[in-house]
Amino acid sequence: MKSTILLGTRKGFIAYHFQNGQWKTENLSFEGVPVSIAYADPRNGTWWACLDHGHWGVKLHRSKDRGATWEEVAAPAYPEGAEVKDGQPATTRYIWSMAHGGKSFPSKIWAGTDPGGLFVSEDEGTSFQLVESLWNHPTRKEGWFGGGRDLPGIHSIIVDPRDENHIHIGISCAGVFETADGGKTWAVRNKGLRADFLPDPYAEMGHDPHILVAAPGDPDNLWQQNHCGIFRSVNGAQSWDDIGEPEGPARFGFAITVAEDNPDQAWVAPANSDMTRTAIKGALCICRTDDGGKTWREQRKGLPQENCFDIVYRHALASSGNGVAFGTTTGNFFFSPDKGESWQVINNYLPMVYSVQFVD
């Protein structure tokens, strides 16, 4: 298990470090400022803080000394003349995802934003450029739209470690896109997904993957917690199967994580319907599958089972080795040392948690 956890929260960037059997706070930065994503680049250890400053707008900072000092860099910005729709200028409203470009491209970093633009940096994040090929995709202006946010956003970027020009992204609401040539061209990969809120639930466009992840040990195994269920692909997103429970809790939610050592093992954080977005029956549970989604098992030991309103946002559930951790919308932060069999409270008094990442 990696020994550090980064949190992006409603009121700052927080780092915990595991030492002598306990998680201790290592760093608090940007106190009072919403941090949409707290991200560490595993290639060089650089920490990134994506700020959603209420007064100053979107900001981006990086630290090369584990948060002791921070350097502000230019946040991704849309070029002059870019439009969300005809007559609606595009501006960066939120940074919703970051991913490094892989070992073959040591200076490359990707960033996903609201209103739906993917950006790439070729200089370690000093500057970012809009990926015009995706922005100009013929489906975007009429086929993409907002879900939980007013405008579409890119919340998931998966770079294939076997071929770092091969990338999947997840967009709410549009669906899954794939490039095999480093972003020059893009293909829609929504076959098998279902969007119950559309007139045609099986339409090519307009799906709502809340989060898209790949199994670290087998990148062709892709999973998504979708607005309309849990879906899995075993063929690199060429097609998707609904693996959620028709009647059980493993169905609606936002977050999903896959085990590092087993592409068939994954965790989700179920929530009540999209109408209420609360814990199911006032009780918090995590569900784990060990067989690729054929069956799900509820994991509740150590979690509150009454008077609970917590849900887990899309980036706020993570795993590393036997460790699983998640933060909630009401500021609770839980850790399991045994793959979810039991849970420990790390903190009950945090701000709303947006993102959780295990790092070295």
Foldseek 3Di string as FASTA:
>chain_A
DFFKKWFFFQAFIWMWGADPNATDTDDTPNGGWGFQDWDAAQVQRKIKTWTQGPPPGTWIWIDNPVHPDIDTADDAFADPPQAQEVPHHDGFHGWQDKDALEPVQRQWIWIKTPQGWIWIGSHNRNYIDTLVQRSVPVCRNPFFAADPDGHKIWNEWDADNVQSLWIWTQMQFWGIWIGNGNRNHIDQQQAAAADPVDPGRRDSTTWAFLYKDAALVQRLWIWTQGLFFIWIGNGNSNHIHGLADPPDQRTHARAKEAENVASQKMKTWGADHPVQGFRVQQWTWIWMGRGNRNDIDTQRAATDGHNGGWGFHHAFWYDDDQKIWGATQQGWIWMDNGNRNHIDTNDRHGHGTNHMDRHD
